[in-house]
Amino acid sequence: MNILVVADDTEFIEAAANGLETDNHLFQFENPEDALEFITSSEVWGIVEIDVIFVQYKMPQFDGYELTRKIRELDLYKGTLIVFCTSFYTIENFDSALVSGANIVLIKPYFLSSIEVVLEAALFRRFTKKLSGNK
């Protein structure tokens, strides 16, 4: 499974990914512009399919809402599972995350079991996609 993390804190995500009984590749970026460049680069486009993207709310350059919107604009990532991670829980933040295109919102402190469930859901989506013949 290919996991993209755009955040400065990846400890829990790494631990959960290591706990799954599957080969995982973790791509980590602290800068959202670098992450966008990575997923749109010719080397990655069509070669590495990202199964789940974890996006932090507060980042340099632009926030997680803007990054999520930009990712959703890319055809390859319209159906990718996006998890919005924040320690700033308000109804407005929650709604804004979903409106920007996130599927799930995780509130800090993260529980390892919550991240494991998200990764298992991404793995299930990948499996069912392969079964249905979609790429």
N, C-alpha and C. Protein backbone atom coordinates (compact mmCIF):
# COMPACT_ATOMS: atom_id res chain seq x y z
N MET A 1 0.85 -1.17 0.00
CA MET A 1 0.00 0.00 0.00
C MET A 1 0.90 1.23 0.00
N ASN A 2 0.47 2.26 -0.72
CA ASN A 2 1.23 3.50 -0.80
C ASN A 2 0.52 4.59 0.00
N ILE A 3 1.23 5.15 0.95
CA ILE A 3 0.68 6.12 1.89
C ILE A 3 1.44 7.43 1.73
N LEU A 4 0.70 8.51 1.48
CA LEU A 4 1.30 9.84 1.39
C LEU A 4 0.93 10.60 2.65
N VAL A 5 1.93 11.15 3.32
CA VAL A 5 1.70 11.94 4.53
C VAL A 5 2.26 13.33 4.31
N VAL A 6 1.40 14.33 4.45
CA VAL A 6 1.83 15.72 4.33
C VAL A 6 1.61 16.34 5.70
N ALA A 7 2.64 16.23 6.53
CA ALA A 7 2.54 16.67 7.93
C ALA A 7 3.93 16.65 8.55
N ASP A 8 4.06 17.31 9.67
CA ASP A 8 5.35 17.28 10.36
C ASP A 8 5.41 16.21 11.44
N ASP A 9 4.28 15.57 11.72
CA ASP A 9 4.21 14.54 12.76
C ASP A 9 3.67 13.25 12.15
N THR A 10 4.54 12.28 11.92
CA THR A 10 4.12 11.04 11.26
C THR A 10 4.31 9.81 12.13
N GLU A 11 4.69 9.99 13.37
CA GLU A 11 5.02 8.87 14.25
C GLU A 11 3.90 7.83 14.33
N PHE A 12 2.66 8.28 14.57
CA PHE A 12 1.54 7.34 14.71
C PHE A 12 1.21 6.65 13.40
N ILE A 13 1.29 7.38 12.30
CA ILE A 13 0.98 6.81 11.00
C ILE A 13 2.01 5.74 10.64
N GLU A 14 3.27 6.03 10.89
CA GLU A 14 4.34 5.05 10.62
C GLU A 14 4.13 3.80 11.47
N ALA A 15 3.79 3.98 12.73
CA ALA A 15 3.58 2.83 13.63
C ALA A 15 2.42 1.98 13.14
N ALA A 16 1.33 2.61 12.74
CA ALA A 16 0.17 1.87 12.25
C ALA A 16 0.49 1.14 10.95
N ALA A 17 1.20 1.81 10.05
CA ALA A 17 1.56 1.19 8.77
C ALA A 17 2.46 -0.01 8.99
N ASN A 18 3.36 0.09 9.95
CA ASN A 18 4.26 -1.03 10.24
C ASN A 18 3.51 -2.21 10.85
N GLY A 19 2.37 -1.94 11.48
CA GLY A 19 1.59 -3.01 12.10
C GLY A 19 0.75 -3.81 11.13
N LEU A 20 0.53 -3.29 9.93
CA LEU A 20 -0.26 -4.02 8.95
C LEU A 20 0.57 -5.13 8.33
N GLU A 21 -0.09 -6.21 7.98
CA GLU A 21 0.61 -7.33 7.37
C GLU A 21 0.60 -7.18 5.85
N THR A 22 1.19 -6.11 5.37
CA THR A 22 1.29 -5.85 3.94
C THR A 22 2.51 -4.97 3.71
N ASP A 23 2.98 -4.97 2.47
CA ASP A 23 4.09 -4.08 2.13
C ASP A 23 3.57 -2.66 2.02
N ASN A 24 4.17 -1.77 2.77
CA ASN A 24 3.75 -0.37 2.77
C ASN A 24 4.90 0.52 2.34
N HIS A 25 4.56 1.53 1.59
CA HIS A 25 5.52 2.54 1.19
C HIS A 25 4.99 3.87 1.68
N LEU A 26 5.77 4.51 2.53
CA LEU A 26 5.36 5.77 3.14
C LEU A 26 6.14 6.90 2.47
N PHE A 27 5.40 7.83 1.87
CA PHE A 27 5.99 9.01 1.26
C PHE A 27 5.62 10.19 2.15
N GLN A 28 6.63 10.87 2.70
CA GLN A 28 6.39 11.90 3.69
C GLN A 28 6.92 13.25 3.21
N PHE A 29 6.08 14.28 3.38
CA PHE A 29 6.46 15.65 3.04
C PHE A 29 5.95 16.58 4.12
N GLU A 30 6.78 17.54 4.51
CA GLU A 30 6.34 18.57 5.43
C GLU A 30 5.80 19.77 4.67
N ASN A 31 6.24 19.93 3.43
CA ASN A 31 5.85 21.05 2.60
C ASN A 31 4.79 20.60 1.60
N PRO A 32 3.61 21.23 1.60
CA PRO A 32 2.54 20.82 0.69
C PRO A 32 2.89 20.99 -0.79
N GLU A 33 3.69 22.00 -1.12
CA GLU A 33 4.08 22.19 -2.52
C GLU A 33 4.94 21.02 -3.00
N ASP A 34 5.83 20.53 -2.14
CA ASP A 34 6.65 19.37 -2.51
C ASP A 34 5.79 18.13 -2.71
N ALA A 35 4.76 17.97 -1.87
CA ALA A 35 3.86 16.83 -1.99
C ALA A 35 3.10 16.89 -3.31
N LEU A 36 2.60 18.07 -3.67
CA LEU A 36 1.90 18.22 -4.95
C LEU A 36 2.82 17.94 -6.13
N GLU A 37 4.02 18.43 -6.04
CA GLU A 37 5.00 18.17 -7.11
C GLU A 37 5.26 16.67 -7.24
N PHE A 38 5.36 15.99 -6.12
CA PHE A 38 5.60 14.55 -6.12
C PHE A 38 4.47 13.80 -6.80
N ILE A 39 3.23 14.08 -6.43
CA ILE A 39 2.12 13.28 -6.98
C ILE A 39 1.77 13.66 -8.41
N THR A 40 2.25 14.81 -8.87
CA THR A 40 1.98 15.19 -10.26
C THR A 40 3.18 14.99 -11.17
N SER A 41 4.30 14.56 -10.61
CA SER A 41 5.51 14.40 -11.42
C SER A 41 5.37 13.24 -12.40
N SER A 42 6.08 13.33 -13.48
CA SER A 42 5.99 12.30 -14.53
C SER A 42 6.47 10.94 -14.04
N GLU A 43 7.39 10.92 -13.08
CA GLU A 43 7.87 9.64 -12.55
C GLU A 43 6.80 8.93 -11.73
N VAL A 44 5.94 9.68 -11.09
CA VAL A 44 4.95 9.09 -10.19
C VAL A 44 3.62 8.88 -10.90
N TRP A 45 3.21 9.83 -11.72
CA TRP A 45 1.89 9.80 -12.35
C TRP A 45 1.69 8.48 -13.08
N GLY A 46 0.77 7.70 -12.64
CA GLY A 46 0.45 6.44 -13.29
C GLY A 46 1.35 5.28 -12.89
N ILE A 47 2.40 5.54 -12.15
CA ILE A 47 3.31 4.46 -11.74
C ILE A 47 3.07 4.08 -10.29
N VAL A 48 3.01 5.07 -9.42
CA VAL A 48 2.74 4.85 -8.02
C VAL A 48 1.33 5.33 -7.73
N GLU A 49 0.47 4.43 -7.36
CA GLU A 49 -0.89 4.81 -7.01
C GLU A 49 -0.97 4.99 -5.50
N ILE A 50 -1.28 6.20 -5.08
CA ILE A 50 -1.39 6.49 -3.66
C ILE A 50 -2.75 5.99 -3.17
N ASP A 51 -2.74 5.19 -2.11
CA ASP A 51 -3.97 4.60 -1.58
C ASP A 51 -4.65 5.47 -0.54
N VAL A 52 -3.86 6.18 0.24
CA VAL A 52 -4.42 7.04 1.29
C VAL A 52 -3.48 8.22 1.50
N ILE A 53 -4.08 9.39 1.71
CA ILE A 53 -3.31 10.62 1.92
C ILE A 53 -3.72 11.21 3.26
N PHE A 54 -2.74 11.43 4.13
CA PHE A 54 -2.95 12.11 5.40
C PHE A 54 -2.49 13.55 5.23
N VAL A 55 -3.38 14.49 5.51
CA VAL A 55 -3.08 15.91 5.33
C VAL A 55 -3.25 16.62 6.67
N GLN A 56 -2.21 17.34 7.07
CA GLN A 56 -2.26 18.13 8.31
C GLN A 56 -2.91 19.48 8.03
N TYR A 57 -3.62 20.00 9.01
CA TYR A 57 -4.31 21.28 8.85
C TYR A 57 -3.33 22.45 8.71
N LYS A 58 -2.45 22.62 9.66
CA LYS A 58 -1.50 23.74 9.67
C LYS A 58 -0.19 23.33 9.00
N MET A 59 0.14 24.02 7.91
CA MET A 59 1.38 23.75 7.18
C MET A 59 1.92 25.05 6.60
N PRO A 60 3.20 25.04 6.20
CA PRO A 60 3.74 26.23 5.54
C PRO A 60 3.15 26.37 4.13
N GLN A 61 3.23 27.52 3.56
CA GLN A 61 2.73 27.88 2.23
C GLN A 61 1.20 27.98 2.17
N PHE A 62 0.50 26.87 2.40
CA PHE A 62 -0.97 26.91 2.43
C PHE A 62 -1.47 25.82 3.33
N ASP A 63 -2.74 25.93 3.72
CA ASP A 63 -3.27 25.00 4.72
C ASP A 63 -3.77 23.70 4.10
N GLY A 64 -4.18 22.79 4.96
CA GLY A 64 -4.64 21.48 4.53
C GLY A 64 -5.89 21.53 3.67
N TYR A 65 -6.74 22.54 3.87
CA TYR A 65 -7.94 22.67 3.05
C TYR A 65 -7.54 22.89 1.59
N GLU A 66 -6.64 23.83 1.39
CA GLU A 66 -6.21 24.16 0.02
C GLU A 66 -5.50 22.97 -0.62
N LEU A 67 -4.66 22.30 0.14
CA LEU A 67 -3.97 21.13 -0.41
C LEU A 67 -4.97 20.05 -0.81
N THR A 68 -5.96 19.81 0.05
CA THR A 68 -6.97 18.80 -0.25
C THR A 68 -7.74 19.16 -1.51
N ARG A 69 -8.12 20.42 -1.66
CA ARG A 69 -8.82 20.85 -2.88
C ARG A 69 -7.96 20.64 -4.12
N LYS A 70 -6.67 20.97 -4.02
CA LYS A 70 -5.76 20.81 -5.16
C LYS A 70 -5.59 19.33 -5.52
N ILE A 71 -5.53 18.48 -4.53
CA ILE A 71 -5.41 17.03 -4.79
C ILE A 71 -6.68 16.53 -5.49
N ARG A 72 -7.84 16.96 -5.02
CA ARG A 72 -9.11 16.51 -5.60
C ARG A 72 -9.29 16.98 -7.05
N GLU A 73 -8.59 18.04 -7.43
CA GLU A 73 -8.66 18.52 -8.81
C GLU A 73 -7.94 17.58 -9.79
N LEU A 74 -7.06 16.74 -9.27
CA LEU A 74 -6.30 15.82 -10.11
C LEU A 74 -7.13 14.56 -10.36
N ASP A 75 -7.32 14.21 -11.63
CA ASP A 75 -8.15 13.06 -11.99
C ASP A 75 -7.75 11.78 -11.27
N LEU A 76 -6.46 11.53 -11.17
CA LEU A 76 -5.99 10.29 -10.57
C LEU A 76 -6.37 10.17 -9.10
N TYR A 77 -6.58 11.30 -8.41
CA TYR A 77 -6.82 11.29 -6.97
C TYR A 77 -8.24 11.66 -6.56
N LYS A 78 -9.16 11.70 -7.52
CA LYS A 78 -10.55 12.05 -7.19
C LYS A 78 -11.18 11.05 -6.22
N GLY A 79 -10.80 9.77 -6.32
CA GLY A 79 -11.38 8.74 -5.46
C GLY A 79 -10.47 8.26 -4.35
N THR A 80 -9.32 8.90 -4.20
CA THR A 80 -8.36 8.48 -3.17
C THR A 80 -8.86 8.88 -1.78
N LEU A 81 -8.64 8.03 -0.81
CA LEU A 81 -9.02 8.30 0.57
C LEU A 81 -8.12 9.40 1.13
N ILE A 82 -8.72 10.51 1.56
CA ILE A 82 -7.95 11.61 2.16
C ILE A 82 -8.39 11.78 3.61
N VAL A 83 -7.41 11.77 4.49
CA VAL A 83 -7.65 11.90 5.93
C VAL A 83 -7.08 13.24 6.38
N PHE A 84 -7.93 14.08 6.93
CA PHE A 84 -7.55 15.41 7.40
C PHE A 84 -7.19 15.29 8.88
N CYS A 85 -6.01 15.74 9.25
CA CYS A 85 -5.51 15.60 10.62
C CYS A 85 -5.38 16.99 11.26
N THR A 86 -5.97 17.15 12.43
CA THR A 86 -5.92 18.46 13.07
C THR A 86 -6.00 18.33 14.59
N SER A 87 -5.48 19.34 15.25
CA SER A 87 -5.67 19.44 16.70
C SER A 87 -6.63 20.59 17.02
N PHE A 88 -7.11 21.27 15.97
CA PHE A 88 -8.02 22.39 16.11
C PHE A 88 -9.43 21.92 15.79
N TYR A 89 -10.09 21.34 16.78
CA TYR A 89 -11.42 20.81 16.51
C TYR A 89 -12.50 21.85 16.77
N THR A 90 -13.16 22.22 15.70
CA THR A 90 -14.39 23.00 15.77
C THR A 90 -15.30 22.44 14.70
N ILE A 91 -16.57 22.69 14.80
CA ILE A 91 -17.51 22.25 13.77
C ILE A 91 -17.13 22.87 12.43
N GLU A 92 -16.69 24.13 12.46
CA GLU A 92 -16.30 24.81 11.22
C GLU A 92 -15.11 24.11 10.56
N ASN A 93 -14.10 23.74 11.36
CA ASN A 93 -12.94 23.03 10.80
C ASN A 93 -13.35 21.68 10.23
N PHE A 94 -14.19 20.97 10.94
CA PHE A 94 -14.67 19.66 10.50
C PHE A 94 -15.41 19.81 9.17
N ASP A 95 -16.36 20.74 9.10
CA ASP A 95 -17.12 20.97 7.87
C ASP A 95 -16.22 21.40 6.73
N SER A 96 -15.29 22.31 7.01
CA SER A 96 -14.38 22.80 5.96
C SER A 96 -13.51 21.68 5.41
N ALA A 97 -13.09 20.79 6.27
CA ALA A 97 -12.28 19.65 5.82
C ALA A 97 -13.08 18.77 4.87
N LEU A 98 -14.32 18.47 5.22
CA LEU A 98 -15.16 17.63 4.37
C LEU A 98 -15.51 18.33 3.06
N VAL A 99 -15.81 19.62 3.13
CA VAL A 99 -16.14 20.38 1.92
C VAL A 99 -14.93 20.46 0.98
N SER A 100 -13.74 20.55 1.53
CA SER A 100 -12.54 20.62 0.69
C SER A 100 -12.22 19.30 0.01
N GLY A 101 -12.83 18.20 0.48
CA GLY A 101 -12.64 16.92 -0.18
C GLY A 101 -12.14 15.79 0.69
N ALA A 102 -11.94 16.05 1.98
CA ALA A 102 -11.49 14.98 2.87
C ALA A 102 -12.61 13.97 3.10
N ASN A 103 -12.22 12.71 3.28
CA ASN A 103 -13.18 11.66 3.59
C ASN A 103 -13.35 11.46 5.09
N ILE A 104 -12.26 11.67 5.82
CA ILE A 104 -12.23 11.41 7.26
C ILE A 104 -11.48 12.55 7.94
N VAL A 105 -11.90 12.90 9.15
CA VAL A 105 -11.19 13.89 9.95
C VAL A 105 -10.73 13.21 11.23
N LEU A 106 -9.42 13.27 11.50
CA LEU A 106 -8.85 12.73 12.74
C LEU A 106 -8.43 13.90 13.61
N ILE A 107 -8.79 13.83 14.88
CA ILE A 107 -8.47 14.87 15.84
C ILE A 107 -7.34 14.38 16.74
N LYS A 108 -6.33 15.25 16.94
CA LYS A 108 -5.25 14.91 17.87
C LYS A 108 -5.80 14.97 19.29
N PRO A 109 -5.33 14.13 20.17
CA PRO A 109 -4.28 13.12 19.97
C PRO A 109 -4.84 11.92 19.20
N TYR A 110 -4.03 11.41 18.29
CA TYR A 110 -4.44 10.28 17.48
C TYR A 110 -4.31 8.99 18.28
N PHE A 111 -5.24 8.10 18.05
CA PHE A 111 -5.16 6.77 18.64
C PHE A 111 -4.67 5.83 17.56
N LEU A 112 -3.72 5.01 17.89
CA LEU A 112 -3.15 4.07 16.93
C LEU A 112 -4.24 3.23 16.27
N SER A 113 -5.23 2.83 17.05
CA SER A 113 -6.31 2.00 16.50
C SER A 113 -7.11 2.75 15.43
N SER A 114 -7.29 4.05 15.59
CA SER A 114 -8.01 4.85 14.59
C SER A 114 -7.26 4.88 13.27
N ILE A 115 -5.96 5.07 13.34
CA ILE A 115 -5.15 5.10 12.12
C ILE A 115 -5.10 3.73 11.49
N GLU A 116 -5.03 2.68 12.29
CA GLU A 116 -5.05 1.32 11.73
C GLU A 116 -6.35 1.06 10.97
N VAL A 117 -7.48 1.52 11.51
CA VAL A 117 -8.76 1.35 10.82
C VAL A 117 -8.76 2.08 9.49
N VAL A 118 -8.22 3.28 9.46
CA VAL A 118 -8.14 4.05 8.21
C VAL A 118 -7.28 3.30 7.19
N LEU A 119 -6.14 2.79 7.62
CA LEU A 119 -5.26 2.08 6.70
C LEU A 119 -5.89 0.78 6.21
N GLU A 120 -6.61 0.10 7.08
CA GLU A 120 -7.31 -1.12 6.66
C GLU A 120 -8.40 -0.79 5.65
N ALA A 121 -9.09 0.33 5.83
CA ALA A 121 -10.11 0.77 4.87
C ALA A 121 -9.48 1.07 3.52
N ALA A 122 -8.32 1.71 3.53
CA ALA A 122 -7.62 2.01 2.28
C ALA A 122 -7.18 0.72 1.58
N LEU A 123 -6.72 -0.23 2.37
CA LEU A 123 -6.32 -1.52 1.82
C LEU A 123 -7.52 -2.24 1.21
N PHE A 124 -8.66 -2.19 1.88
CA PHE A 124 -9.88 -2.80 1.37
C PHE A 124 -10.31 -2.13 0.06
N ARG A 125 -10.24 -0.79 0.00
CA ARG A 125 -10.59 -0.06 -1.22
C ARG A 125 -9.68 -0.48 -2.37
N ARG A 126 -8.40 -0.64 -2.08
CA ARG A 126 -7.45 -1.04 -3.13
C ARG A 126 -7.80 -2.45 -3.64
N PHE A 127 -8.11 -3.34 -2.72
CA PHE A 127 -8.43 -4.72 -3.07
C PHE A 127 -9.70 -4.78 -3.92
N THR A 128 -10.74 -4.08 -3.50
CA THR A 128 -12.00 -4.11 -4.25
C THR A 128 -11.86 -3.43 -5.61
N LYS A 129 -11.02 -2.44 -5.70
CA LYS A 129 -10.75 -1.78 -6.98
C LYS A 129 -10.10 -2.74 -7.96
N LYS A 130 -9.15 -3.52 -7.47
CA LYS A 130 -8.49 -4.52 -8.31
C LYS A 130 -9.47 -5.59 -8.75
N LEU A 131 -10.35 -6.03 -7.84
CA LEU A 131 -11.33 -7.05 -8.17
C LEU A 131 -12.29 -6.58 -9.26
N SER A 132 -12.65 -5.28 -9.19
CA SER A 132 -13.60 -4.76 -10.17
C SER A 132 -12.94 -4.40 -11.49
N GLY A 133 -11.60 -4.47 -11.53
CA GLY A 133 -10.89 -4.18 -12.77
C GLY A 133 -10.57 -2.72 -12.99
N ASN A 134 -10.88 -1.85 -12.01
CA ASN A 134 -10.54 -0.43 -12.11
C ASN A 134 -9.11 -0.21 -11.68
N LYS A 135 -8.46 0.74 -12.29
CA LYS A 135 -7.09 1.08 -11.91
C LYS A 135 -7.06 2.31 -11.07
